[in-house]
Protein backbone atom coordinates (compact mmCIF):
# COMPACT_ATOMS: atom_id res chain seq x y z
CA UNK A 1 130.63 103.22 -215.74
CA UNK A 2 130.19 103.04 -219.50
CA UNK A 3 126.91 101.79 -220.84
CA UNK A 4 126.88 98.64 -222.91
CA UNK A 5 126.12 98.71 -226.59
CA UNK A 6 122.78 97.03 -225.76
CA UNK A 7 121.84 99.96 -223.52
CA UNK A 8 122.83 102.47 -226.20
CA UNK A 9 120.81 100.61 -228.83
CA UNK A 10 117.83 100.44 -226.46
CA UNK A 11 117.49 104.21 -226.11
CA UNK A 12 119.00 105.31 -229.45
CA UNK A 13 121.13 108.00 -227.84
CA UNK A 14 124.86 108.11 -227.32
CA UNK A 15 126.82 110.86 -225.61
CA UNK A 16 130.10 112.07 -227.05
CA UNK A 17 132.01 110.32 -224.25
CA UNK A 18 130.12 107.08 -224.84
CA UNK A 19 130.77 107.32 -228.57
CA UNK A 20 134.50 107.76 -227.98
CA UNK A 21 134.54 104.81 -225.56
CA UNK A 22 132.49 102.65 -227.92
CA UNK A 23 134.76 103.31 -230.89
CA UNK A 24 137.85 102.78 -228.74
CA UNK A 25 136.46 99.41 -227.61
CA UNK A 26 136.61 98.09 -231.20
CA UNK A 27 139.45 100.26 -232.57
CA UNK A 28 142.33 97.77 -232.38
CA UNK A 29 144.81 99.98 -234.27
CA UNK A 30 143.93 103.14 -232.32
CA UNK A 31 143.28 105.39 -235.33
CA UNK A 32 139.92 106.60 -234.00
CA UNK A 33 137.92 104.86 -236.74
CA UNK A 34 136.62 101.37 -237.41
CA UNK A 35 137.64 99.41 -240.47
CA UNK A 36 138.17 95.81 -241.56
CA UNK A 37 137.99 93.37 -238.68
CA UNK A 38 137.12 96.21 -236.28
CA UNK A 39 133.87 96.84 -238.19
CA UNK A 40 133.13 93.12 -238.34
CA UNK A 41 133.58 92.81 -234.56
CA UNK A 42 131.26 95.78 -233.95
CA UNK A 43 128.72 94.32 -236.41
CA UNK A 44 128.91 90.90 -234.74
CA UNK A 45 127.92 92.37 -231.39
CA UNK A 46 125.16 94.52 -232.91
CA UNK A 47 123.81 91.64 -235.01
CA UNK A 48 123.64 89.37 -231.96
CA UNK A 49 121.63 91.99 -230.08
CA UNK A 50 119.31 92.59 -233.03
CA UNK A 51 119.14 88.92 -233.99
CA UNK A 52 120.23 89.73 -237.52
CA UNK A 53 123.01 88.79 -239.91
CA UNK A 54 126.47 90.40 -239.59
CA UNK A 55 126.57 91.13 -243.33
CA UNK A 56 123.21 92.89 -243.11
CA UNK A 57 124.44 95.09 -240.25
CA UNK A 58 127.57 96.00 -242.25
CA UNK A 59 125.45 96.80 -245.33
CA UNK A 60 123.16 99.06 -243.31
CA UNK A 61 126.10 100.67 -241.53
CA UNK A 62 127.64 101.43 -244.94
CA UNK A 63 124.59 103.52 -245.78
CA UNK A 64 125.71 105.96 -243.06
CA UNK A 65 129.17 106.56 -244.49
CA UNK A 66 129.42 110.25 -245.29
CA UNK A 67 132.52 109.85 -247.45
CA UNK A 68 134.14 107.33 -249.78
CA UNK A 69 136.55 106.15 -247.09
CA UNK A 70 136.23 102.48 -246.16
CA UNK A 71 136.67 103.25 -242.46
CA UNK A 72 133.78 104.37 -240.25
CA UNK A 73 134.40 107.50 -238.22
CA UNK A 74 132.64 108.07 -234.88
CA UNK A 75 129.94 110.32 -236.35
CA UNK A 76 129.02 107.66 -238.91
CA UNK A 77 128.70 105.14 -236.07
CA UNK A 78 126.54 107.66 -234.16
CA UNK A 79 124.23 108.11 -237.17
CA UNK A 80 123.79 104.35 -237.42
CA UNK A 81 123.02 103.96 -233.71
CA UNK A 82 120.74 106.98 -233.36
CA UNK A 83 119.00 107.15 -236.72
CA UNK A 84 118.77 103.63 -238.07
CA UNK A 85 118.02 101.79 -234.87
CA UNK A 86 115.04 103.94 -233.89
């Protein structure tokens, strides 16, 4: 059974399988990355857990983008979850 995003945030570690499942959960168009409304949906869930603003979560998440692409790839999501939320 896959862990919830709350459980992942609680221990700051995400396995490769969990990362794939997490991205797939929000990846409505199936391209393996999060962009647009997919990012907003991810940020909404994270912000509710952290009791913060969605825009703030998106701004912080943007710091972990390794390229100039507007979409977030799984490794950028991993960096956010494991490095920022420690």
